[in-house]
Amino acid sequence: MTTKTGALPDNVVDSPAYPPEHHALPTAIQISDVEQRTQSAIRAWRSEIGRQEVLCDTEHLREYHNNISGYEGDISAVLLPENTAQVQAIVHIANNTGVPLYPVSTGKNWGLGSRLPVRDSCAIVDLSRMNRVREVNERFAYAVIEPGVTQGDLYEHISAQNPGVAMNVTGSARGTSIIGNALERGVGYFGSRADSLSGVEVVLGTGKKLTTGFGHFANAATTHLYRYGIGPDLTGLFAQSNFGIVTAAGFELMPKPDCRFAAIITVPDHVALPRFIDALQALMRGSTIQMDVRVGNRSRTEITLTPMLYDYFCNECGIPAEAALARAKQVMRKRRFTDWSAVLSWGGTRGQAAAARRELLHALRPIAKVMIFDQRSFSRAKRLLHKFTFHPRIQNIYAFLHAVEPLNGLAWGIPTDAAMKSVYWPVTHDLPQVHIDQPDRHARPGLLYCLPILPADGKTVEQTLARISAIAHTHTMTPYITLNMLSPKAIDCVISLAFDRTDKARTRAAQDCLGDMQQELIDQGLIPYRTGVRHMSQVVNADDSFWQAARDIKNALDPNGIIAPGRYSLT
């Protein structure tokens, strides 16, 4: 039975800038028809994949409705397939009954809607049970995985069986889907994940199975060595689209370098930021080795590191909460974090890494304070300091190393849940001890993301951030900003807004703020590369020939409009 959870927040309904994606059914006759079709589909799905794998009771549906963005909506059922054949059966039944589907990998699209569909009355296809690592090829550095494989799963697998390779991780939780994130063009510590996909296995909206690249040849030996195959390259069609349900894909891994270095960099003040960005751009353009750069504003740094320090003082040292908070803030003051700071990492042979180190110091020391370390020296310093943590000053230094260690691990391809503390910290210092990687389950933390691509130009970055900050100030919101240098050309700008979602006024203010930010950026020609389920209409335009062509492809691959209606699509 369909369970209603209420209308959308008023700001989304009323604003002409971003009209609703939430469509109420207008008449009782239509509602009755929808319910009849849904019940028919549920009976058929239970027959195909098992009664326990089709959820439609209020309790389970409520769990899927819950989302940290504070959005509301309606879903009709949750389906839990175990393999590709079951996905095909689900799609065939959806076509026969007219009940649309909304696929999620692990459903952790936090800040953008989580598991909630763009439009109402969809059945969620939760692919988390499809969690097999089908293959890892260490020599050619790739894995073939299903959508339920998380970055924690793959890390554990290759650590135990394939120590010669590493993976491109994100700063999000260990339990996030690799394929789900890659299909959303998520950005890892070593670049865009979408570029890492090959041989994508997908169930189209017709129920047919397709494999891209060479994968559709029965005896193909090079599907994951050369992603394009022969003929049109279809792999990219299934990123940010609703043409089918991806059930497996190749994912590129990386050979482990001989050594890897990281640097913590503090920029003296906001005035120096444009010069710093331009120096990074020149460094990346001229370097013979790939560098990963993350630049964060003071607010971002504080909500990332302070809760980890606080957690250490509370749980490892037994210090009462109020005193632990004071100590954490003291350590942050001592580290003298400025308006902007950065983490930069690089690897290679020892000779390459040493050359990159010299290049980096020459370029950045005139602008910023640079502290460089490698994994070995970091671990050695931590072991030494641990012996003297009875002294408060040494304990503070050790606490800082303890806090940044999991973040440094990201630069070495080690996923972590540690940064999830930053999701809760702006709202509550009572950090959960369980399910910290499932913020949708917790009532208070609210999170929204604005995600534009900026040119790697210091002046443009400065001007854009000034406009963003002004909009945030108007809505009394704090923008937590990270600048990820994707390349010498482009910057992935991650702007997060935190709010208490038990407070309806603050939830509305955050959602209004996001809409205004995104519209201002679009007006300036700085288009987001991802958007949330309630803001699709800001980027999808029926008069745009691009979206018209995407609709034509949709009609060919999913003629009944069964898969994720409205997601990056006119239909």
Protein backbone atom coordinates (compact mmCIF):
# COMPACT_ATOMS: atom_id res chain seq x y z
CA MET A 1 0.00 0.00 0.00
CA THR A 2 1.23 3.49 -0.79
CA THR A 3 2.21 5.47 2.30
CA LYS A 4 1.96 9.26 2.13
CA THR A 5 4.44 11.27 4.15
CA GLY A 6 3.19 14.76 3.29
CA ALA A 7 3.74 17.42 0.67
CA LEU A 8 7.01 19.03 -0.23
CA PRO A 9 8.31 21.95 1.84
CA ASP A 10 6.44 25.13 0.93
CA ASN A 11 9.52 26.86 -0.46
CA VAL A 12 9.89 24.26 -3.21
CA VAL A 13 6.21 24.39 -4.14
CA ASP A 14 5.94 28.18 -4.17
CA SER A 15 9.16 29.19 -5.89
CA PRO A 16 8.99 29.71 -9.65
CA ALA A 17 12.78 29.37 -9.83
CA TYR A 18 12.67 25.67 -9.02
CA PRO A 19 9.15 24.22 -9.44
CA PRO A 20 8.25 20.96 -7.69
CA GLU A 21 9.30 17.52 -8.83
CA HIS A 22 6.72 16.12 -6.36
CA HIS A 23 3.52 15.33 -8.27
CA ALA A 24 0.34 14.68 -6.29
CA LEU A 25 -2.29 12.52 -7.97
CA PRO A 26 -5.26 14.78 -8.72
CA THR A 27 -8.30 12.53 -8.39
CA ALA A 28 -9.57 9.62 -6.33
CA ILE A 29 -10.04 7.57 -9.50
CA GLN A 30 -6.38 7.96 -10.40
CA ILE A 31 -5.26 7.16 -6.87
CA SER A 32 -7.35 3.98 -6.93
CA ASP A 33 -5.84 3.01 -10.28
CA VAL A 34 -2.31 3.59 -8.98
CA GLU A 35 -3.01 1.50 -5.88
CA GLN A 36 -4.43 -1.35 -7.96
CA ARG A 37 -1.42 -1.35 -10.29
CA THR A 38 0.94 -1.17 -7.33
CA GLN A 39 -0.71 -4.11 -5.58
CA SER A 40 -0.58 -6.14 -8.78
CA ALA A 41 3.13 -5.33 -9.18
CA ILE A 42 3.87 -6.22 -5.54
CA ARG A 43 2.26 -9.64 -5.94
CA ALA A 44 4.27 -10.33 -9.11
CA TRP A 45 7.53 -9.07 -7.59
CA ARG A 46 7.07 -11.27 -4.53
CA SER A 47 6.53 -14.24 -6.80
CA GLU A 48 9.76 -13.49 -8.70
CA ILE A 49 12.24 -12.42 -6.00
CA GLY A 50 10.64 -13.62 -2.76
CA ARG A 51 8.20 -12.18 -0.26
CA GLN A 52 10.91 -11.05 2.18
CA GLU A 53 12.63 -9.03 -0.54
CA VAL A 54 9.57 -6.86 -1.31
CA LEU A 55 8.93 -4.35 1.48
CA CYS A 56 5.74 -2.32 1.60
CA ASP A 57 4.90 -1.98 5.29
CA THR A 58 4.85 1.47 6.88
CA GLU A 59 7.91 0.90 9.09
CA HIS A 60 10.22 -0.09 6.25
CA LEU A 61 8.93 2.62 3.92
CA ARG A 62 9.47 5.25 6.63
CA GLU A 63 13.12 4.24 6.84
CA TYR A 64 13.53 4.84 3.10
CA HIS A 65 11.70 8.17 3.30
CA ASN A 66 14.06 9.49 5.98
CA ASN A 67 16.75 11.70 4.49
CA ILE A 68 19.24 14.14 5.90
CA SER A 69 18.18 16.82 3.40
CA GLY A 70 14.77 17.17 5.05
CA TYR A 71 12.85 16.42 1.85
CA GLU A 72 9.48 14.73 1.83
CA GLY A 73 7.91 12.43 -0.71
CA ASP A 74 6.19 9.15 -1.40
CA ILE A 75 7.34 5.67 -2.38
CA SER A 76 5.20 2.60 -3.03
CA ALA A 77 7.51 -0.31 -2.20
CA VAL A 78 11.14 -1.35 -1.75
CA LEU A 79 12.60 -4.20 -3.82
CA LEU A 80 15.81 -6.02 -2.85
CA PRO A 81 17.13 -8.04 -5.82
CA GLU A 82 20.13 -10.33 -5.44
CA ASN A 83 21.27 -10.65 -9.05
CA THR A 84 20.91 -9.27 -12.56
CA ALA A 85 18.23 -11.79 -13.56
CA GLN A 86 16.04 -10.59 -10.69
CA VAL A 87 16.54 -6.98 -11.79
CA GLN A 88 15.37 -7.95 -15.28
CA ALA A 89 12.29 -9.61 -13.80
CA ILE A 90 11.55 -6.52 -11.73
CA VAL A 91 11.78 -4.29 -14.82
CA HIS A 92 9.52 -6.57 -16.89
CA ILE A 93 6.86 -6.47 -14.17
CA ALA A 94 7.18 -2.70 -13.89
CA ASN A 95 6.56 -2.41 -17.62
CA ASN A 96 3.52 -4.67 -17.43
CA THR A 97 1.96 -2.83 -14.48
CA GLY A 98 3.13 0.73 -15.16
CA VAL A 99 4.71 1.14 -11.69
CA PRO A 100 7.93 3.20 -12.06
CA LEU A 101 11.21 2.17 -10.42
CA TYR A 102 13.89 4.22 -8.69
CA PRO A 103 17.22 2.36 -8.38
CA VAL A 104 19.72 3.09 -5.62
CA SER A 105 23.01 1.33 -4.93
CA THR A 106 23.32 1.73 -1.16
CA GLY A 107 21.11 4.82 -0.99
CA LYS A 108 23.71 7.11 0.58
CA ASN A 109 23.31 10.06 -1.75
CA TRP A 110 23.43 12.30 1.32
CA GLY A 111 22.73 15.99 0.92
CA LEU A 112 21.07 15.33 -2.45
CA GLY A 113 18.02 13.29 -1.40
CA SER A 114 19.46 9.99 -0.15
CA ARG A 115 17.06 7.23 -1.31
CA LEU A 116 14.11 9.49 -2.10
CA PRO A 117 13.00 9.48 -5.77
CA VAL A 118 12.57 12.61 -7.85
CA ARG A 119 8.89 11.86 -8.41
CA ASP A 120 6.34 10.13 -6.22
CA SER A 121 4.88 6.62 -6.36
CA CYS A 122 8.09 4.89 -7.45
CA ALA A 123 9.21 1.54 -6.09
CA ILE A 124 12.77 1.74 -4.78
CA VAL A 125 15.11 -0.88 -6.26
CA ASP A 126 17.73 -1.22 -3.52
CA LEU A 127 20.78 -2.93 -5.04
CA SER A 128 22.74 -3.28 -1.78
CA ARG A 129 22.36 -7.09 -1.79
CA MET A 130 24.20 -7.21 -5.13
CA ASN A 131 27.54 -6.88 -3.40
CA ARG A 132 29.88 -9.29 -5.16
CA VAL A 133 33.42 -8.47 -6.23
CA ARG A 134 33.36 -10.48 -9.45
CA GLU A 135 37.00 -10.06 -10.39
CA VAL A 136 40.16 -8.19 -9.42
CA ASN A 137 43.01 -8.04 -11.92
CA GLU A 138 46.12 -6.81 -10.14
CA ARG A 139 48.36 -6.77 -13.20
CA PHE A 140 46.02 -4.51 -15.19
CA ALA A 141 44.67 -2.74 -12.09
CA TYR A 142 40.90 -3.08 -12.30
CA ALA A 143 38.04 -4.69 -10.43
CA VAL A 144 34.65 -5.83 -11.68
CA ILE A 145 32.08 -5.08 -9.02
CA GLU A 146 28.34 -4.92 -8.41
CA PRO A 147 26.52 -1.78 -7.20
CA GLY A 148 26.24 -2.97 -3.60
CA VAL A 149 30.04 -3.18 -3.24
CA THR A 150 31.11 -0.37 -0.94
CA GLN A 151 34.48 1.30 -0.82
CA GLY A 152 35.05 -0.44 2.51
CA ASP A 153 34.26 -3.81 0.91
CA LEU A 154 36.65 -3.32 -2.00
CA TYR A 155 39.40 -1.96 0.23
CA GLU A 156 39.20 -5.02 2.49
CA HIS A 157 39.18 -7.33 -0.54
CA ILE A 158 42.24 -5.88 -2.25
CA SER A 159 44.12 -5.41 1.04
CA ALA A 160 43.79 -9.13 1.72
CA GLN A 161 44.22 -10.51 -1.80
CA ASN A 162 45.73 -7.85 -4.07
CA PRO A 163 48.25 -5.78 -2.10
CA GLY A 164 49.84 -4.33 -5.23
CA VAL A 165 46.89 -2.08 -6.06
CA ALA A 166 45.03 0.77 -4.39
CA MET A 167 41.69 2.43 -5.02
CA ASN A 168 40.45 5.94 -5.61
CA VAL A 169 38.49 6.64 -2.41
CA THR A 170 36.21 9.50 -1.46
CA GLY A 171 36.07 11.28 1.89
CA SER A 172 32.63 9.81 2.51
CA ALA A 173 31.89 6.73 4.59
CA ARG A 174 33.26 3.22 4.08
CA GLY A 175 29.71 2.01 3.42
CA THR A 176 29.09 4.12 0.32
CA SER A 177 28.68 2.44 -3.07
CA ILE A 178 31.54 2.78 -5.56
CA ILE A 179 29.36 2.34 -8.65
CA GLY A 180 26.59 4.58 -7.30
CA ASN A 181 29.07 7.36 -6.63
CA ALA A 182 30.82 6.90 -9.98
CA LEU A 183 27.52 7.05 -11.88
CA GLU A 184 26.81 10.34 -10.12
CA ARG A 185 30.26 11.53 -11.28
CA GLY A 186 31.53 11.64 -7.73
CA VAL A 187 35.06 12.87 -7.14
CA GLY A 188 37.63 10.74 -5.32
CA TYR A 189 41.02 11.70 -3.97
CA PHE A 190 42.62 10.82 -7.31
CA GLY A 191 40.08 12.36 -9.68
CA SER A 192 36.61 11.75 -11.09
CA ARG A 193 35.32 8.22 -10.58
CA ALA A 194 33.11 8.30 -13.69
CA ASP A 195 36.26 8.12 -15.83
CA SER A 196 37.17 4.85 -14.07
CA LEU A 197 34.21 2.82 -15.32
CA SER A 198 34.39 0.24 -18.12
CA GLY A 199 32.27 -2.64 -19.42
CA VAL A 200 29.10 -1.38 -17.74
CA GLU A 201 26.42 -4.09 -17.41
CA VAL A 202 22.98 -2.49 -17.44
CA VAL A 203 19.36 -3.62 -17.54
CA LEU A 204 17.60 -1.22 -19.88
CA GLY A 205 14.10 0.10 -19.31
CA THR A 206 12.87 -2.61 -21.70
CA GLY A 207 14.34 -5.34 -19.49
CA LYS A 208 17.09 -6.21 -21.97
CA LYS A 209 20.62 -6.62 -20.63
CA LEU A 210 23.40 -4.61 -22.29
CA THR A 211 27.16 -4.49 -21.66
CA THR A 212 29.13 -1.55 -23.00
CA GLY A 213 32.54 -1.48 -24.67
CA PHE A 214 33.77 -4.88 -25.82
CA GLY A 215 31.68 -6.54 -23.10
CA HIS A 216 28.84 -7.51 -25.42
CA PHE A 217 31.17 -9.91 -27.29
CA ALA A 218 30.97 -13.35 -25.69
CA ASN A 219 34.74 -13.96 -25.78
CA ALA A 220 35.98 -10.38 -25.18
CA ALA A 221 39.35 -10.37 -23.36
CA THR A 222 39.94 -6.60 -23.26
CA THR A 223 36.65 -5.16 -22.00
CA HIS A 224 38.31 -3.48 -19.01
CA LEU A 225 41.59 -2.63 -20.74
CA TYR A 226 40.07 -0.39 -23.42
CA ARG A 227 36.76 1.06 -22.34
CA TYR A 228 35.53 2.30 -25.73
CA GLY A 229 35.15 -1.03 -27.53
CA ILE A 230 34.07 -0.74 -31.17
CA GLY A 231 31.23 1.41 -32.45
CA PRO A 232 29.50 4.14 -30.42
CA ASP A 233 30.80 4.52 -26.86
CA LEU A 234 27.73 3.92 -24.71
CA THR A 235 29.45 3.78 -21.31
CA GLY A 236 28.91 7.44 -20.55
CA LEU A 237 25.18 7.20 -21.33
CA PHE A 238 24.51 5.59 -17.97
CA ALA A 239 26.13 8.24 -15.76
CA GLN A 240 23.51 10.69 -14.46
CA SER A 241 20.78 9.24 -16.63
CA ASN A 242 17.63 7.19 -16.20
CA PHE A 243 17.98 4.86 -19.18
CA GLY A 244 18.52 1.65 -17.21
CA ILE A 245 19.74 0.01 -14.00
CA VAL A 246 23.48 -0.68 -13.77
CA THR A 247 24.13 -4.11 -12.26
CA ALA A 248 27.95 -4.33 -12.60
CA ALA A 249 30.91 -2.44 -14.00
CA GLY A 250 34.65 -2.48 -14.23
CA PHE A 251 36.33 0.02 -11.90
CA GLU A 252 39.88 1.18 -12.47
CA LEU A 253 42.37 0.65 -9.64
CA MET A 254 45.85 2.13 -9.26
CA PRO A 255 49.23 0.49 -8.84
CA LYS A 256 50.56 1.32 -5.39
CA PRO A 257 53.39 3.85 -5.68
CA ASP A 258 56.77 3.25 -4.06
CA CYS A 259 56.06 6.11 -1.71
CA ARG A 260 53.44 8.74 -1.11
CA PHE A 261 53.73 12.13 0.54
CA ALA A 262 51.14 14.49 1.98
CA ALA A 263 51.32 18.16 2.91
CA ILE A 264 49.19 20.30 5.23
CA ILE A 265 49.20 23.88 3.97
CA THR A 266 47.83 27.01 5.63
CA VAL A 267 47.12 30.14 3.58
CA PRO A 268 47.75 33.32 5.63
CA ASP A 269 44.37 34.97 4.92
CA HIS A 270 41.52 35.14 2.41
CA VAL A 271 43.34 37.85 0.45
CA ALA A 272 46.03 35.32 -0.50
CA LEU A 273 43.53 32.70 -1.74
CA PRO A 274 43.47 33.78 -5.44
CA ARG A 275 47.26 33.75 -5.60
CA PHE A 276 47.31 30.35 -3.90
CA ILE A 277 44.78 28.89 -6.36
CA ASP A 278 46.78 30.22 -9.31
CA ALA A 279 49.97 28.72 -7.86
CA LEU A 280 48.28 25.33 -7.47
CA GLN A 281 46.96 25.55 -11.03
CA ALA A 282 50.46 26.26 -12.37
CA LEU A 283 51.92 23.48 -10.22
CA MET A 284 49.42 20.91 -11.51
CA ARG A 285 49.85 22.06 -15.11
CA GLY A 286 53.61 21.75 -15.03
CA SER A 287 54.07 18.77 -12.76
CA THR A 288 55.14 15.43 -14.20
CA ILE A 289 53.27 13.65 -11.41
CA GLN A 290 49.62 13.66 -10.42
CA MET A 291 48.82 15.65 -7.30
CA ASP A 292 45.57 15.68 -5.38
CA VAL A 293 44.63 18.99 -3.77
CA ARG A 294 41.81 19.76 -1.31
CA VAL A 295 41.37 23.35 -0.14
CA GLY A 296 38.90 24.10 2.67
CA ASN A 297 37.67 27.24 4.39
CA ARG A 298 38.04 27.68 8.14
CA SER A 299 34.46 26.53 8.84
CA ARG A 300 35.05 23.29 6.92
CA THR A 301 38.35 22.62 8.71
CA GLU A 302 36.79 23.23 12.12
CA ILE A 303 33.82 20.87 11.67
CA THR A 304 36.14 18.21 10.27
CA LEU A 305 38.91 18.20 12.89
CA THR A 306 37.27 19.52 16.08
CA PRO A 307 34.87 16.56 16.54
CA MET A 308 37.70 14.08 16.05
CA LEU A 309 39.78 15.83 18.70
CA TYR A 310 36.77 16.00 21.00
CA ASP A 311 36.03 12.31 20.45
CA TYR A 312 39.64 11.41 21.25
CA PHE A 313 39.71 13.41 24.50
CA CYS A 314 36.34 12.00 25.60
CA ASN A 315 36.71 8.35 24.64
CA GLU A 316 40.47 7.72 24.69
CA CYS A 317 41.44 9.99 27.58
CA GLY A 318 38.25 9.87 29.67
CA ILE A 319 37.98 13.65 29.89
CA PRO A 320 34.46 14.99 30.66
CA ALA A 321 32.59 16.43 27.68
CA GLU A 322 32.86 20.12 28.55
CA ALA A 323 36.58 19.91 29.30
CA ALA A 324 37.15 17.76 26.19
CA LEU A 325 35.49 20.40 24.03
CA ALA A 326 37.68 23.10 25.56
CA ARG A 327 40.82 21.01 24.90
CA ALA A 328 39.75 20.36 21.30
CA LYS A 329 39.26 24.06 20.66
CA GLN A 330 42.62 24.77 22.31
CA VAL A 331 44.39 22.36 19.94
CA MET A 332 42.71 23.97 16.94
CA ARG A 333 43.88 27.41 18.09
CA LYS A 334 47.43 26.15 18.56
CA ARG A 335 47.49 24.75 15.03
CA ARG A 336 46.69 28.29 13.79
CA PHE A 337 44.32 27.30 11.02
CA THR A 338 43.61 30.36 8.91
CA ASP A 339 40.76 31.37 6.58
CA TRP A 340 41.89 28.69 4.13
CA SER A 341 43.98 25.56 4.47
CA ALA A 342 44.78 22.68 2.15
CA VAL A 343 45.78 19.03 2.07
CA LEU A 344 47.91 17.97 -0.88
CA SER A 345 49.20 14.49 -1.68
CA TRP A 346 51.33 12.87 -4.37
CA GLY A 347 53.17 9.63 -4.99
CA GLY A 348 55.49 7.80 -7.34
CA THR A 349 59.00 6.47 -7.23
CA ARG A 350 61.23 8.00 -4.57
CA GLY A 351 62.93 10.10 -7.21
CA GLN A 352 59.64 11.35 -8.65
CA ALA A 353 58.21 12.10 -5.23
CA ALA A 354 61.35 13.99 -4.17
CA ALA A 355 61.29 16.06 -7.37
CA ALA A 356 57.61 16.88 -6.82
CA ARG A 357 58.41 17.88 -3.23
CA ARG A 358 61.02 20.38 -4.37
CA GLU A 359 58.65 21.73 -7.00
CA LEU A 360 55.86 22.13 -4.46
CA LEU A 361 57.99 23.93 -1.89
CA HIS A 362 59.40 26.30 -4.50
CA ALA A 363 55.89 27.20 -5.71
CA LEU A 364 54.01 27.44 -2.41
CA ARG A 365 56.40 28.58 0.32
CA PRO A 366 56.29 32.23 -0.80
CA ILE A 367 52.50 32.15 -0.31
CA ALA A 368 51.69 29.69 2.47
CA LYS A 369 53.03 27.61 5.34
CA VAL A 370 53.79 24.04 4.21
CA MET A 371 54.29 20.93 6.39
CA ILE A 372 55.26 17.73 4.52
CA PHE A 373 55.36 14.14 5.75
CA ASP A 374 55.14 10.59 4.42
CA GLN A 375 53.30 7.64 5.89
CA ARG A 376 56.39 6.17 7.52
CA SER A 377 57.50 9.37 9.25
CA PHE A 378 53.94 10.12 10.35
CA SER A 379 53.54 6.70 11.99
CA ARG A 380 56.97 6.98 13.62
CA ALA A 381 56.16 10.38 15.12
CA LYS A 382 52.82 9.12 16.42
CA ARG A 383 54.43 6.08 18.10
CA LEU A 384 57.07 8.26 19.74
CA LEU A 385 54.62 10.85 21.05
CA HIS A 386 52.30 8.19 22.43
CA LYS A 387 54.92 7.31 25.05
CA PHE A 388 54.71 10.80 26.52
CA THR A 389 50.98 11.53 26.39
CA PHE A 390 50.95 11.83 30.19
CA HIS A 391 52.18 15.39 29.54
CA PRO A 392 49.21 17.62 28.48
CA ARG A 393 51.18 19.47 25.79
CA ILE A 394 52.41 16.23 24.20
CA GLN A 395 48.94 14.78 24.54
CA ASN A 396 47.54 17.71 22.54
CA ILE A 397 50.06 17.15 19.73
CA TYR A 398 49.35 13.43 19.72
CA ALA A 399 45.60 14.14 19.65
CA PHE A 400 46.07 16.23 16.52
CA LEU A 401 48.02 13.46 14.78
CA HIS A 402 45.37 10.96 15.88
CA ALA A 403 42.67 13.19 14.39
CA VAL A 404 44.31 13.77 11.01
CA GLU A 405 45.55 10.17 10.56
CA PRO A 406 42.34 8.81 8.97
CA LEU A 407 42.16 11.87 6.72
CA ASN A 408 45.75 11.31 5.64
CA GLY A 409 44.81 7.69 5.01
CA LEU A 410 42.46 8.85 2.25
CA ALA A 411 45.52 10.04 0.34
CA TRP A 412 46.84 6.47 0.62
CA GLY A 413 43.57 4.92 -0.61
CA ILE A 414 42.18 3.95 2.81
CA PRO A 415 38.46 4.75 3.27
CA THR A 416 37.22 5.90 6.68
CA ASP A 417 34.06 6.84 8.56
CA ALA A 418 35.94 9.47 10.58
CA ALA A 419 34.88 12.46 8.49
CA MET A 420 31.22 11.57 9.08
CA LYS A 421 31.53 13.30 12.44
CA SER A 422 31.50 16.59 10.55
CA VAL A 423 27.92 15.88 9.43
CA TYR A 424 26.68 15.98 13.03
CA TRP A 425 29.00 18.55 14.59
CA PRO A 426 27.34 21.80 13.41
CA VAL A 427 24.08 20.67 15.04
CA THR A 428 25.06 18.52 18.01
CA HIS A 429 28.23 17.56 19.88
CA ASP A 430 26.53 14.38 21.05
CA LEU A 431 28.15 12.19 18.40
CA PRO A 432 26.46 8.83 17.79
CA GLN A 433 28.45 5.78 18.79
CA VAL A 434 26.54 3.53 16.38
CA HIS A 435 25.26 4.13 12.87
CA ILE A 436 27.47 7.20 12.46
CA ASP A 437 27.64 6.28 8.79
CA GLN A 438 23.84 6.40 8.53
CA PRO A 439 22.87 10.01 9.27
CA ASP A 440 19.42 9.56 7.69
CA ARG A 441 18.56 7.50 10.77
CA HIS A 442 19.37 10.31 13.18
CA ALA A 443 16.70 12.94 13.70
CA ARG A 444 18.66 16.20 13.99
CA PRO A 445 21.51 16.54 11.47
CA GLY A 446 20.51 18.22 8.20
CA LEU A 447 22.72 18.49 5.13
CA LEU A 448 22.43 19.94 1.63
CA TYR A 449 25.05 20.24 -1.11
CA CYS A 450 25.63 22.79 -3.84
CA LEU A 451 28.18 21.44 -6.33
CA PRO A 452 29.34 23.76 -9.12
CA ILE A 453 32.37 23.31 -11.34
CA LEU A 454 34.61 26.40 -11.29
CA PRO A 455 37.48 27.33 -13.58
CA ALA A 456 40.88 26.91 -11.93
CA ASP A 457 41.35 30.66 -11.78
CA GLY A 458 42.01 32.44 -8.51
CA LYS A 459 40.08 35.61 -9.27
CA THR A 460 36.98 33.73 -10.47
CA VAL A 461 37.07 31.53 -7.36
CA GLU A 462 37.33 34.59 -5.11
CA GLN A 463 34.43 36.39 -6.79
CA THR A 464 32.23 33.29 -6.84
CA LEU A 465 32.79 32.51 -3.18
CA ALA A 466 32.00 36.12 -2.27
CA ARG A 467 28.60 35.80 -3.98
CA ILE A 468 27.95 32.44 -2.36
CA SER A 469 28.84 33.78 1.08
CA ALA A 470 26.52 36.76 0.59
CA ILE A 471 23.60 34.46 -0.28
CA ALA A 472 24.36 32.24 2.73
CA HIS A 473 24.48 35.33 4.99
CA THR A 474 21.04 36.41 3.71
CA HIS A 475 19.62 33.08 4.86
CA THR A 476 21.71 33.07 8.08
CA MET A 477 23.49 29.92 6.92
CA THR A 478 27.20 29.04 7.17
CA PRO A 479 28.75 27.76 3.92
CA TYR A 480 31.24 24.94 4.53
CA ILE A 481 33.41 24.98 1.43
CA THR A 482 35.92 22.57 -0.10
CA LEU A 483 37.72 23.22 -3.39
CA ASN A 484 38.92 20.03 -5.06
CA MET A 485 41.40 20.63 -7.87
CA LEU A 486 40.18 18.19 -10.50
CA SER A 487 42.78 19.25 -13.03
CA PRO A 488 44.76 22.35 -14.07
CA LYS A 489 41.49 23.48 -15.70
CA ALA A 490 38.63 22.74 -13.32
CA ILE A 491 37.74 22.85 -9.63
CA ASP A 492 35.03 20.78 -7.99
CA CYS A 493 33.51 23.22 -5.49
CA VAL A 494 31.66 21.47 -2.66
CA ILE A 495 29.44 23.81 -0.64
CA SER A 496 27.59 22.15 2.23
CA LEU A 497 24.85 23.66 4.35
CA ALA A 498 24.17 22.24 7.81
CA PHE A 499 20.94 22.67 9.76
CA ASP A 500 18.81 21.07 12.44
CA ARG A 501 16.12 19.26 10.53
CA THR A 502 13.85 19.04 13.58
CA ASP A 503 13.51 22.82 13.13
CA LYS A 504 11.16 23.36 10.17
CA ALA A 505 12.13 27.02 9.80
CA ARG A 506 15.84 26.21 9.57
CA THR A 507 15.14 23.34 7.17
CA ARG A 508 13.21 25.70 4.93
CA ALA A 509 15.93 28.36 5.19
CA ALA A 510 18.59 25.83 4.12
CA GLN A 511 16.52 24.61 1.18
CA ASP A 512 15.80 28.19 0.09
CA CYS A 513 19.48 29.03 0.42
CA LEU A 514 20.49 26.08 -1.74
CA GLY A 515 17.99 27.03 -4.43
CA ASP A 516 19.19 30.65 -4.47
CA MET A 517 22.87 29.61 -4.54
CA GLN A 518 22.36 27.18 -7.37
CA GLN A 519 20.34 29.68 -9.43
CA GLU A 520 22.94 32.41 -8.93
CA LEU A 521 25.69 30.06 -10.08
CA ILE A 522 23.70 28.95 -13.12
CA ASP A 523 23.04 32.61 -14.01
CA GLN A 524 26.79 33.20 -13.86
CA GLY A 525 27.45 30.25 -16.17
CA LEU A 526 28.83 28.06 -13.38
CA ILE A 527 26.64 24.98 -13.70
CA PRO A 528 26.48 22.31 -10.99
CA TYR A 529 27.79 18.88 -11.95
CA ARG A 530 25.34 17.17 -9.58
CA THR A 531 22.05 18.29 -8.09
CA GLY A 532 19.52 16.99 -5.62
CA VAL A 533 16.19 15.31 -6.25
CA ARG A 534 14.23 18.50 -5.53
CA HIS A 535 16.27 20.77 -7.80
CA MET A 536 16.33 18.86 -11.10
CA SER A 537 14.14 21.51 -12.74
CA GLN A 538 16.86 24.13 -12.25
CA VAL A 539 19.09 22.31 -14.73
CA VAL A 540 16.63 20.40 -16.95
CA ASN A 541 14.90 22.63 -19.51
CA ALA A 542 12.32 21.44 -22.04
CA ASP A 543 13.42 24.09 -24.57
CA ASP A 544 17.04 22.90 -24.55
CA SER A 545 17.96 20.65 -27.49
CA PHE A 546 20.38 18.74 -25.26
CA TRP A 547 17.60 17.59 -22.92
CA GLN A 548 15.35 16.95 -25.92
CA ALA A 549 17.98 14.59 -27.36
CA ALA A 550 18.35 12.89 -23.97
CA ARG A 551 14.56 12.41 -23.97
CA ASP A 552 14.74 10.77 -27.39
CA ILE A 553 17.37 8.33 -26.12
CA LYS A 554 15.23 7.69 -23.05
CA ASN A 555 12.25 6.88 -25.27
CA ALA A 556 14.34 4.37 -27.22
CA LEU A 557 15.88 2.59 -24.22
CA ASP A 558 12.98 2.96 -21.78
CA PRO A 559 9.86 3.55 -23.91
CA ASN A 560 7.42 3.24 -20.99
CA GLY A 561 9.37 5.66 -18.78
CA ILE A 562 9.79 3.03 -16.05
CA ILE A 563 13.26 3.93 -14.74
CA ALA A 564 13.66 6.92 -12.36
CA PRO A 565 11.25 9.37 -14.00
CA GLY A 566 12.50 12.95 -13.82
CA ARG A 567 16.05 12.13 -12.78
CA TYR A 568 18.32 14.30 -14.97
CA SER A 569 15.58 14.00 -17.55
CA LEU A 570 12.46 15.62 -18.97
CA THR A 571 10.63 12.31 -18.56
